[in-house]
Amino acid sequence: MTDRPAPEPDQPHDLVGIGIGPFNLSLAALAHNIPAAPGDPRPLAATFYEQRPAFHWHPGLLLDGASLQVPFLADLVTLADPSSPWSFLSYLRTRDRLFPFYFAERFHIQRAEYDAYCRWVSEQLPGLHFGHQVDAVRWNAERALFEVDFTQLDSDGEAEALGRAHARHIALGIGTEPFVPEPLKPLAEAPSVPVLHSADYLRHRERLLSAEHITVIGSGQSGAEIFLDLLRARPEGAEKIHWLARTQAFAPMEYSKLGLEHFTPDYSRYFHALPESARDELVPRQWQLHKGIDADTIAAIHDELYRRTLHGGWPDATLTPGVHVRTAGRLANTRVELHLEHTQQGTRSRLTTDAVILATGYRERPLDAVLGGLGPYLSRDASHRPRIDDQYRLVLDPAVTGHVYVQNAERHTHGVGAPDLGLAAWRSATILNNLTGATPYPLPDRTAFTTFGLTPQAPKIPTQAPELIPLSQSV
């Protein structure tokens, strides 16, 4: 199994998608049965590869009752094509659940239901290949095509066969990965004490509940939901939970109507046209737009804490914002000692705990792991990040005539809306309109009441690929 089979020379795909999360699943759904080009009766030939054996969306966080933070209209297709057979309402119809949903009057559905809907699409939609690990992407200048090498995996995740596909264009949707702060990485990799990311919470919930003392780190929605779930499961007066956060408050998410306009195409275009330095300054300041806590979850936590005071006393639960973990270590192989610092007080303390849950969010996966073969063609910004134009294409050397589109890897160029499910269909439609050279999905010119900026700004799209970095220097 050392040599890859010869590719099919006359069967290049119009599009190969790498990764099948919600964003590339949206792209696959909207790509289904559209023309490959104007006047071409041939449907777009698109295929998608995913390493995992099946679709799953954050399975470790599908807590009972946890709701999606965007309305059900932010499904895979509706905001680009409400008539699509792959909409959430179409899913409900196949389950004979339209009337129950109608009477439930739910604008925000449960996470588990969104996951079930996406799995339904992934099981019905053709052209999706799970259990296929993409190993490398190269540009074949002679054929003017991308070469995609992949390994087909068996049910145990072991290599079963090697393959190669050719594509005119690529769509990267490799998603994000759990972020573990440096001081806690050694403990998270050790099996003896449960120090784990929130992505694995449900899988280890029973083990965590058996711990005498539990610490949750992280002030976002995941941290809040896990704290609430633990609090409800612990005996009154003996909760023994600490909730720590770096932010200065356990703050609500910005969910005002005009605040939500930061998740519109209008704002994405405005953000993309800003200078790189302005974009880099903006992103961390906008954390409350996407890292805050749903107001209902905050209310539920306070209600549960208050309920536990009705018969006198206070719950044994400590909630402390403005704290970061300096270092951490293991005590007697069964406990963890966290060395804490309070940023406003300038004070330090130690906390001994039996389990730690890291609700510390996710980071974009490095594109170089897959695109190493394209390194010499990539244009990068001052921080060595890939440049991405307003059509979600990597800026490549003009010698590469195909496009590499990216999904949820462009926060540095398009802003806080990059990981938002509400922009999935619009971004997928933008990609397909550009790829086909047509408008299979007409998109609105204006999407927000807010006018971002005093004067219209043209997107800053490099016409060539400056500052090309040799492959040997790419990271």
Protein backbone atom coordinates (compact mmCIF):
# COMPACT_ATOMS: atom_id res chain seq x y z
CA MET A 1 0.00 0.00 0.00
CA THR A 2 2.90 2.34 -0.71
CA ASP A 3 1.87 3.50 -4.20
CA ARG A 4 -1.28 5.37 -4.96
CA PRO A 5 -3.44 4.07 -7.79
CA ALA A 6 -3.30 5.91 -11.07
CA PRO A 7 -5.98 8.63 -11.14
CA GLU A 8 -8.78 8.59 -13.64
CA PRO A 9 -7.29 10.96 -16.23
CA ASP A 10 -10.49 12.13 -17.86
CA GLN A 11 -12.68 12.48 -14.78
CA PRO A 12 -11.60 15.56 -12.84
CA HIS A 13 -14.07 16.94 -10.32
CA ASP A 14 -15.22 20.53 -10.56
CA LEU A 15 -14.92 20.75 -6.79
CA VAL A 16 -13.35 18.62 -4.06
CA GLY A 17 -14.33 19.51 -0.52
CA ILE A 18 -12.01 18.61 2.35
CA GLY A 19 -13.84 18.14 5.63
CA ILE A 20 -17.58 17.63 6.18
CA GLY A 21 -18.67 19.83 9.04
CA PRO A 22 -21.74 22.10 8.85
CA PHE A 23 -20.04 24.56 6.48
CA ASN A 24 -18.87 22.13 3.80
CA LEU A 25 -22.13 20.22 4.28
CA SER A 26 -23.91 23.47 3.43
CA LEU A 27 -21.71 23.84 0.35
CA ALA A 28 -22.44 20.26 -0.72
CA ALA A 29 -26.18 20.74 -0.27
CA LEU A 30 -26.26 23.93 -2.34
CA ALA A 31 -23.92 22.42 -4.95
CA HIS A 32 -26.30 19.52 -5.50
CA ASN A 33 -27.70 19.55 -9.06
CA ILE A 34 -26.63 23.08 -10.06
CA PRO A 35 -25.05 23.63 -13.51
CA ALA A 36 -21.27 23.49 -13.70
CA ALA A 37 -21.12 26.65 -15.84
CA PRO A 38 -23.42 28.99 -17.79
CA GLY A 39 -24.95 27.14 -20.70
CA ASP A 40 -23.49 23.83 -19.57
CA PRO A 41 -26.16 21.14 -19.08
CA ARG A 42 -23.75 19.09 -17.00
CA PRO A 43 -24.38 19.34 -13.25
CA LEU A 44 -21.51 20.49 -11.06
CA ALA A 45 -19.32 17.49 -10.22
CA ALA A 46 -18.57 17.87 -6.52
CA THR A 47 -17.24 15.34 -4.04
CA PHE A 48 -16.35 15.75 -0.37
CA TYR A 49 -13.99 13.79 1.89
CA GLU A 50 -14.11 13.47 5.68
CA GLN A 51 -11.82 11.49 7.97
CA ARG A 52 -14.50 10.68 10.55
CA PRO A 53 -16.76 7.67 9.93
CA ALA A 54 -19.96 9.75 10.04
CA PHE A 55 -21.22 13.26 10.65
CA HIS A 56 -21.25 14.43 14.26
CA TRP A 57 -21.52 18.02 15.47
CA HIS A 58 -19.93 18.66 18.89
CA PRO A 59 -21.25 15.39 20.38
CA GLY A 60 -19.65 16.13 23.76
CA LEU A 61 -21.82 19.21 24.21
CA LEU A 62 -25.25 17.94 23.19
CA LEU A 63 -26.63 18.44 26.68
CA ASP A 64 -30.34 17.90 27.27
CA GLY A 65 -32.16 21.14 26.58
CA ALA A 66 -29.14 23.04 25.23
CA SER A 67 -30.29 25.30 22.40
CA LEU A 68 -28.61 26.56 19.29
CA GLN A 69 -27.65 30.22 19.57
CA VAL A 70 -28.95 31.04 16.10
CA PRO A 71 -32.53 30.66 14.79
CA PHE A 72 -33.57 27.55 12.87
CA LEU A 73 -33.51 29.61 9.66
CA ALA A 74 -29.72 29.48 9.96
CA ASP A 75 -29.74 25.94 8.64
CA LEU A 76 -27.53 24.69 5.83
CA VAL A 77 -29.42 26.29 2.93
CA THR A 78 -32.45 28.44 3.76
CA LEU A 79 -30.86 31.90 3.79
CA ALA A 80 -29.61 31.26 0.25
CA ASP A 81 -32.39 28.98 -1.07
CA PRO A 82 -35.58 28.64 1.03
CA SER A 83 -36.96 26.14 -1.50
CA SER A 84 -34.08 23.70 -1.09
CA PRO A 85 -34.95 20.06 -0.31
CA TRP A 86 -32.16 20.15 2.29
CA SER A 87 -33.72 22.74 4.60
CA PHE A 88 -34.56 22.14 8.25
CA LEU A 89 -38.27 22.38 7.45
CA SER A 90 -37.84 19.72 4.76
CA TYR A 91 -36.19 17.53 7.39
CA LEU A 92 -39.16 18.03 9.72
CA ARG A 93 -41.54 17.12 6.91
CA THR A 94 -39.76 13.80 6.33
CA ARG A 95 -40.24 13.07 10.04
CA ASP A 96 -43.93 14.13 10.10
CA ARG A 97 -43.02 16.78 12.65
CA LEU A 98 -44.04 20.01 10.93
CA PHE A 99 -47.20 20.49 12.99
CA PRO A 100 -45.55 19.68 16.34
CA PHE A 101 -42.78 22.15 15.48
CA TYR A 102 -45.36 24.74 14.43
CA PHE A 103 -47.16 24.52 17.78
CA ALA A 104 -43.92 24.37 19.77
CA GLU A 105 -43.20 27.93 18.53
CA ARG A 106 -39.45 27.43 18.79
CA PHE A 107 -37.29 29.92 16.92
CA HIS A 108 -34.14 28.42 18.49
CA ILE A 109 -33.99 24.64 18.24
CA GLN A 110 -32.05 22.30 20.47
CA ARG A 111 -28.48 21.44 19.55
CA ALA A 112 -29.28 17.75 19.43
CA GLU A 113 -32.00 18.46 16.86
CA TYR A 114 -29.61 20.49 14.71
CA ASP A 115 -27.13 17.61 14.86
CA ALA A 116 -29.86 15.14 13.84
CA TYR A 117 -30.87 17.40 10.94
CA CYS A 118 -27.29 17.65 9.68
CA ARG A 119 -26.85 13.88 9.96
CA TRP A 120 -30.02 13.41 7.91
CA VAL A 121 -28.61 15.63 5.15
CA SER A 122 -25.24 13.85 5.28
CA GLU A 123 -26.94 10.45 4.94
CA GLN A 124 -29.15 11.48 2.01
CA LEU A 125 -26.86 13.74 0.01
CA PRO A 126 -24.73 12.05 -2.68
CA GLY A 127 -21.05 12.75 -3.16
CA LEU A 128 -20.04 12.62 0.52
CA HIS A 129 -17.27 10.19 1.45
CA PHE A 130 -16.73 9.57 5.15
CA GLY A 131 -13.78 7.51 6.35
CA HIS A 132 -11.50 9.27 3.83
CA GLN A 133 -8.48 11.10 5.19
CA VAL A 134 -6.98 13.72 2.88
CA ASP A 135 -3.20 13.53 3.09
CA ALA A 136 -1.95 16.13 0.63
CA VAL A 137 -3.01 18.68 -1.97
CA ARG A 138 -0.75 19.69 -4.86
CA TRP A 139 -1.06 21.75 -8.02
CA ASN A 140 -0.43 19.82 -11.23
CA ALA A 141 0.65 22.58 -13.62
CA GLU A 142 0.73 20.26 -16.64
CA ARG A 143 -2.95 19.35 -16.28
CA ALA A 144 -4.00 22.63 -14.62
CA LEU A 145 -5.69 20.63 -11.85
CA PHE A 146 -5.28 20.04 -8.14
CA GLU A 147 -4.18 16.58 -7.05
CA VAL A 148 -5.79 15.36 -3.84
CA ASP A 149 -4.22 12.31 -2.17
CA PHE A 150 -6.37 10.50 0.36
CA THR A 151 -6.39 7.35 2.49
CA GLN A 152 -9.56 5.31 2.81
CA LEU A 153 -10.04 4.12 6.40
CA ASP A 154 -11.77 1.02 7.69
CA SER A 155 -14.29 0.95 10.56
CA ASP A 156 -11.44 0.96 13.08
CA GLY A 157 -9.80 4.01 11.52
CA GLU A 158 -6.96 1.99 10.02
CA ALA A 159 -5.65 2.58 6.49
CA GLU A 160 -7.47 0.38 4.00
CA ALA A 161 -6.63 1.84 0.57
CA LEU A 162 -4.95 4.84 -1.03
CA GLY A 163 -6.51 7.04 -3.66
CA ARG A 164 -6.04 10.19 -5.67
CA ALA A 165 -8.58 12.61 -7.10
CA HIS A 166 -8.17 15.56 -9.44
CA ALA A 167 -10.13 18.77 -9.07
CA ARG A 168 -10.48 22.12 -10.76
CA HIS A 169 -11.20 23.74 -7.40
CA ILE A 170 -10.86 22.92 -3.69
CA ALA A 171 -13.04 23.87 -0.71
CA LEU A 172 -11.40 23.61 2.70
CA GLY A 173 -13.76 23.02 5.59
CA ILE A 174 -11.45 21.33 8.07
CA GLY A 175 -12.99 23.16 11.00
CA THR A 176 -11.54 23.97 14.38
CA GLU A 177 -9.90 21.98 17.16
CA PRO A 178 -10.23 22.21 20.96
CA PHE A 179 -7.88 24.75 22.52
CA VAL A 180 -6.02 23.71 25.67
CA PRO A 181 -4.01 26.45 27.43
CA GLU A 182 -0.29 25.75 27.68
CA PRO A 183 -0.15 25.41 31.51
CA LEU A 184 -2.72 22.60 31.36
CA LYS A 185 -1.53 20.65 28.32
CA PRO A 186 0.64 18.15 30.27
CA LEU A 187 -2.26 17.38 32.61
CA ALA A 188 -4.79 17.07 29.78
CA GLU A 189 -2.57 14.44 28.17
CA ALA A 190 -2.22 12.40 31.40
CA PRO A 191 -4.86 9.72 32.09
CA SER A 192 -4.83 9.63 35.90
CA VAL A 193 -6.63 12.89 36.71
CA PRO A 194 -9.58 14.03 34.59
CA VAL A 195 -8.41 17.27 32.97
CA LEU A 196 -10.36 17.44 29.74
CA HIS A 197 -11.77 19.82 27.19
CA SER A 198 -15.48 20.55 27.16
CA ALA A 199 -15.64 18.85 23.75
CA ASP A 200 -15.40 15.54 25.65
CA TYR A 201 -17.72 16.47 28.51
CA LEU A 202 -20.65 14.10 27.92
CA ARG A 203 -18.37 11.14 27.29
CA HIS A 204 -16.80 11.60 30.76
CA ARG A 205 -19.76 13.09 32.63
CA GLU A 206 -20.32 10.20 35.05
CA ARG A 207 -16.64 10.09 35.97
CA LEU A 208 -16.65 13.85 36.54
CA LEU A 209 -19.73 13.72 38.74
CA SER A 210 -17.99 11.21 41.00
CA ALA A 211 -15.16 13.67 41.70
CA GLU A 212 -15.30 15.34 45.09
CA HIS A 213 -14.42 18.80 43.76
CA ILE A 214 -14.78 20.04 40.18
CA THR A 215 -13.36 23.14 38.47
CA VAL A 216 -14.75 24.62 35.26
CA ILE A 217 -12.50 27.06 33.37
CA GLY A 218 -13.99 29.33 30.73
CA SER A 219 -16.64 32.05 30.64
CA GLY A 220 -18.42 31.27 27.38
CA GLN A 221 -21.64 29.40 26.63
CA SER A 222 -20.06 25.95 26.95
CA GLY A 223 -18.61 26.76 30.37
CA ALA A 224 -21.95 28.12 31.55
CA GLU A 225 -23.92 25.11 30.33
CA ILE A 226 -21.49 22.65 31.91
CA PHE A 227 -21.46 24.56 35.21
CA LEU A 228 -25.26 24.54 35.24
CA ASP A 229 -25.42 20.83 34.41
CA LEU A 230 -22.96 19.98 37.20
CA LEU A 231 -24.73 22.27 39.65
CA ARG A 232 -28.08 20.60 39.05
CA ALA A 233 -26.54 17.15 39.49
CA ARG A 234 -24.72 17.88 42.79
CA PRO A 235 -26.31 17.60 46.25
CA GLU A 236 -27.42 20.82 47.91
CA GLY A 237 -24.84 22.24 50.29
CA ALA A 238 -22.12 19.95 48.95
CA GLU A 239 -21.81 21.15 45.38
CA LYS A 240 -18.03 21.76 45.58
CA ILE A 241 -17.71 23.48 42.19
CA HIS A 242 -15.42 26.32 41.14
CA TRP A 243 -16.09 28.29 37.97
CA LEU A 244 -13.15 30.41 36.83
CA ALA A 245 -12.81 32.77 33.86
CA ARG A 246 -10.23 35.17 32.41
CA THR A 247 -12.92 37.68 31.40
CA GLN A 248 -13.79 40.43 33.85
CA ALA A 249 -17.37 39.19 34.19
CA PHE A 250 -19.63 36.28 33.35
CA ALA A 251 -21.08 38.48 30.66
CA PRO A 252 -24.15 38.02 28.48
CA MET A 253 -23.71 37.63 24.77
CA GLU A 254 -24.47 40.70 22.69
CA TYR A 255 -27.83 39.75 21.26
CA SER A 256 -29.47 43.07 20.45
CA LYS A 257 -31.02 43.38 17.01
CA LEU A 258 -28.48 45.91 15.78
CA GLY A 259 -25.63 44.07 17.48
CA LEU A 260 -26.55 40.97 15.50
CA GLU A 261 -25.90 42.91 12.30
CA HIS A 262 -22.21 42.14 12.85
CA PHE A 263 -23.17 38.71 11.51
CA THR A 264 -24.42 39.98 8.17
CA PRO A 265 -22.73 39.93 4.77
CA ASP A 266 -22.66 43.75 4.95
CA TYR A 267 -20.39 43.66 7.98
CA SER A 268 -18.22 40.89 6.51
CA ARG A 269 -17.60 43.05 3.43
CA TYR A 270 -16.86 46.12 5.56
CA PHE A 271 -14.45 44.18 7.77
CA HIS A 272 -12.64 42.65 4.81
CA ALA A 273 -11.98 46.10 3.33
CA LEU A 274 -10.33 47.41 6.52
CA PRO A 275 -6.54 47.56 6.82
CA GLU A 276 -4.98 44.45 8.32
CA SER A 277 -3.92 46.33 11.48
CA ALA A 278 -7.48 47.56 12.09
CA ARG A 279 -8.89 44.06 11.63
CA ASP A 280 -6.40 42.58 14.10
CA GLU A 281 -7.29 45.21 16.67
CA LEU A 282 -11.03 44.68 16.26
CA VAL A 283 -11.32 40.91 16.65
CA PRO A 284 -10.31 40.56 20.33
CA ARG A 285 -12.44 43.56 21.30
CA GLN A 286 -15.56 41.92 19.88
CA TRP A 287 -15.44 38.84 22.11
CA GLN A 288 -18.87 39.49 23.61
CA LEU A 289 -20.47 39.13 20.18
CA HIS A 290 -19.62 35.43 20.10
CA LYS A 291 -18.02 34.39 23.41
CA GLY A 292 -20.61 35.66 25.87
CA ILE A 293 -23.34 33.63 27.57
CA ASP A 294 -26.95 33.36 26.50
CA ALA A 295 -29.10 35.46 28.85
CA ASP A 296 -31.46 32.53 29.52
CA THR A 297 -28.53 30.37 30.63
CA ILE A 298 -27.30 33.10 32.99
CA ALA A 299 -30.82 33.39 34.42
CA ALA A 300 -31.06 29.61 34.86
CA ILE A 301 -27.75 29.53 36.74
CA HIS A 302 -28.83 32.33 39.06
CA ASP A 303 -32.22 30.67 39.62
CA GLU A 304 -30.55 27.37 40.55
CA LEU A 305 -28.12 29.08 42.91
CA TYR A 306 -30.91 31.10 44.49
CA ARG A 307 -33.10 28.02 44.94
CA ARG A 308 -30.34 26.46 47.00
CA THR A 309 -30.49 29.34 49.51
CA LEU A 310 -34.19 28.95 50.34
CA HIS A 311 -33.55 26.92 53.50
CA GLY A 312 -30.63 28.99 54.72
CA GLY A 313 -26.97 28.89 53.83
CA TRP A 314 -25.24 29.29 50.50
CA PRO A 315 -24.36 26.69 47.90
CA ASP A 316 -20.76 25.52 47.94
CA ALA A 317 -20.15 26.98 44.49
CA THR A 318 -17.56 29.65 43.74
CA LEU A 319 -17.80 31.81 40.63
CA THR A 320 -14.72 33.97 40.04
CA PRO A 321 -14.05 36.00 36.87
CA GLY A 322 -10.86 37.93 36.14
CA VAL A 323 -8.64 34.94 36.92
CA HIS A 324 -6.11 33.09 34.80
CA VAL A 325 -4.16 29.89 35.44
CA ARG A 326 -0.42 30.61 35.68
CA THR A 327 0.75 27.04 36.17
CA ALA A 328 -0.73 23.69 37.15
CA GLY A 329 0.52 20.41 38.56
CA ARG A 330 -0.56 17.04 39.83
CA LEU A 331 -0.74 16.21 43.54
CA ALA A 332 -0.19 12.58 44.53
CA ASN A 333 -1.34 11.53 41.05
CA THR A 334 -4.99 11.95 42.01
CA ARG A 335 -5.57 15.70 42.35
CA VAL A 336 -4.68 18.88 40.50
CA GLU A 337 -3.25 22.08 41.94
CA LEU A 338 -4.00 25.23 39.94
CA HIS A 339 -1.87 28.33 40.51
CA LEU A 340 -4.14 31.30 39.92
CA GLU A 341 -3.64 35.02 39.44
CA HIS A 342 -6.30 37.71 39.68
CA THR A 343 -5.56 40.34 37.06
CA GLN A 344 -7.24 43.31 38.77
CA GLN A 345 -6.11 42.62 42.32
CA GLY A 346 -2.66 41.45 41.31
CA THR A 347 -3.05 38.63 43.83
CA ARG A 348 -2.17 34.96 43.56
CA SER A 349 -3.65 31.83 45.07
CA ARG A 350 -3.76 28.04 44.76
CA LEU A 351 -6.75 25.83 44.18
CA THR A 352 -6.76 22.07 44.71
CA THR A 353 -9.36 20.15 42.73
CA ASP A 354 -10.20 16.61 41.64
CA ALA A 355 -11.29 17.34 38.06
CA VAL A 356 -10.92 20.18 35.58
CA ILE A 357 -13.14 20.92 32.58
CA LEU A 358 -11.62 23.29 30.05
CA ALA A 359 -14.35 25.30 28.35
CA THR A 360 -11.59 27.23 26.64
CA GLY A 361 -12.97 27.27 23.12
CA TYR A 362 -11.58 26.24 19.77
CA ARG A 363 -8.90 27.42 17.37
CA GLU A 364 -8.78 27.23 13.58
CA ARG A 365 -6.84 24.21 12.37
CA PRO A 366 -3.67 25.24 10.51
CA LEU A 367 -4.22 25.05 6.77
CA ASP A 368 -0.59 24.11 6.15
CA ALA A 369 -1.19 20.60 7.46
CA VAL A 370 -3.25 19.91 4.33
CA LEU A 371 -1.91 22.55 1.94
CA GLY A 372 1.81 21.98 2.46
CA GLY A 373 2.15 21.16 -1.23
CA LEU A 374 0.76 24.58 -2.13
CA GLY A 375 3.11 26.48 0.18
CA PRO A 376 5.20 28.06 -2.59
CA TYR A 377 2.06 29.47 -4.21
CA LEU A 378 0.46 30.98 -1.09
CA SER A 379 0.40 34.71 -0.38
CA ARG A 380 0.64 35.57 3.32
CA ASP A 381 0.05 38.69 5.38
CA ALA A 382 2.38 40.38 7.85
CA SER A 383 1.50 37.77 10.50
CA HIS A 384 2.20 34.87 8.11
CA ARG A 385 -1.51 34.06 7.77
CA PRO A 386 -2.95 33.17 4.36
CA ARG A 387 -4.46 36.07 2.47
CA ILE A 388 -8.12 35.45 1.59
CA ASP A 389 -10.07 37.57 -0.87
CA ASP A 390 -13.68 38.71 -0.66
CA GLN A 391 -14.87 35.58 -2.51
CA TYR A 392 -13.36 33.33 0.18
CA ARG A 393 -10.46 32.27 -2.05
CA LEU A 394 -6.90 31.88 -0.92
CA VAL A 395 -4.74 34.38 -2.78
CA LEU A 396 -2.43 32.20 -4.85
CA ASP A 397 0.26 32.75 -7.43
CA PRO A 398 -1.41 33.54 -10.80
CA ALA A 399 0.22 30.38 -12.19
CA VAL A 400 -2.42 28.43 -10.22
CA THR A 401 -5.59 28.81 -12.27
CA GLY A 402 -7.80 26.84 -9.87
CA HIS A 403 -9.23 28.29 -6.67
CA VAL A 404 -8.97 27.13 -3.06
CA TYR A 405 -11.99 28.31 -1.11
CA VAL A 406 -11.95 28.35 2.69
CA GLN A 407 -14.73 28.04 5.23
CA ASN A 408 -14.30 29.05 8.88
CA ALA A 409 -10.61 29.82 8.48
CA GLU A 410 -10.99 33.50 7.64
CA ARG A 411 -11.76 35.32 10.88
CA HIS A 412 -8.63 37.44 10.40
CA THR A 413 -9.94 38.65 7.03
CA HIS A 414 -13.75 38.50 7.39
CA GLY A 415 -14.41 39.03 11.10
CA VAL A 416 -16.50 37.45 13.84
CA GLY A 417 -19.04 36.03 11.39
CA ALA A 418 -16.58 33.44 10.04
CA PRO A 419 -17.59 30.64 12.47
CA ASP A 420 -21.25 31.71 12.71
CA LEU A 421 -23.81 29.22 11.40
CA GLY A 422 -26.04 32.06 10.25
CA LEU A 423 -23.60 32.97 7.46
CA ALA A 424 -23.05 29.40 6.26
CA ALA A 425 -25.57 29.39 3.42
CA TRP A 426 -24.62 32.87 2.22
CA ARG A 427 -20.92 32.03 2.14
CA SER A 428 -21.59 28.72 0.35
CA ALA A 429 -23.73 30.53 -2.22
CA THR A 430 -21.01 33.15 -2.71
CA ILE A 431 -18.48 30.39 -3.36
CA LEU A 432 -20.72 28.59 -5.84
CA ASN A 433 -21.61 31.77 -7.71
CA ASN A 434 -17.91 32.52 -8.09
CA LEU A 435 -16.94 28.96 -8.97
CA THR A 436 -19.59 28.54 -11.68
CA GLY A 437 -19.22 32.04 -13.12
CA ALA A 438 -22.99 32.40 -12.84
CA THR A 439 -25.59 33.19 -10.20
CA PRO A 440 -27.35 29.96 -9.30
CA TYR A 441 -28.06 31.72 -6.01
CA PRO A 442 -28.91 35.44 -6.39
CA LEU A 443 -27.81 37.23 -3.23
CA PRO A 444 -29.04 40.55 -1.80
CA ASP A 445 -26.93 43.68 -2.14
CA ARG A 446 -27.89 44.90 1.33
CA THR A 447 -28.47 42.88 4.50
CA ALA A 448 -28.19 45.35 7.43
CA PHE A 449 -29.78 48.60 8.54
CA THR A 450 -26.42 49.70 9.92
CA THR A 451 -24.08 51.48 7.53
CA PHE A 452 -20.60 50.37 8.54
CA GLY A 453 -18.16 53.19 7.78
CA LEU A 454 -18.59 56.71 6.42
CA THR A 455 -17.73 55.90 2.83
CA PRO A 456 -18.02 52.71 0.79
CA GLN A 457 -14.73 50.82 0.67
CA ALA A 458 -13.60 48.55 -2.09
CA PRO A 459 -12.30 45.20 -0.81
CA LYS A 460 -8.53 45.07 -0.53
CA ILE A 461 -7.90 42.10 -2.82
CA PRO A 462 -4.30 41.58 -3.92
CA THR A 463 -4.23 41.16 -7.69
CA GLN A 464 -1.02 39.18 -7.47
CA ALA A 465 0.58 37.03 -4.84
CA PRO A 466 3.25 39.13 -3.12
CA GLU A 467 5.57 37.92 -0.42
CA LEU A 468 5.50 34.30 -1.54
CA ILE A 469 7.23 32.15 1.04
CA PRO A 470 9.13 29.05 -0.03
CA LEU A 471 7.66 25.78 1.17
CA SER A 472 10.70 25.09 3.34
CA GLN A 473 9.91 28.25 5.35
CA SER A 474 6.17 27.77 5.71
CA VAL A 475 4.77 26.81 9.11
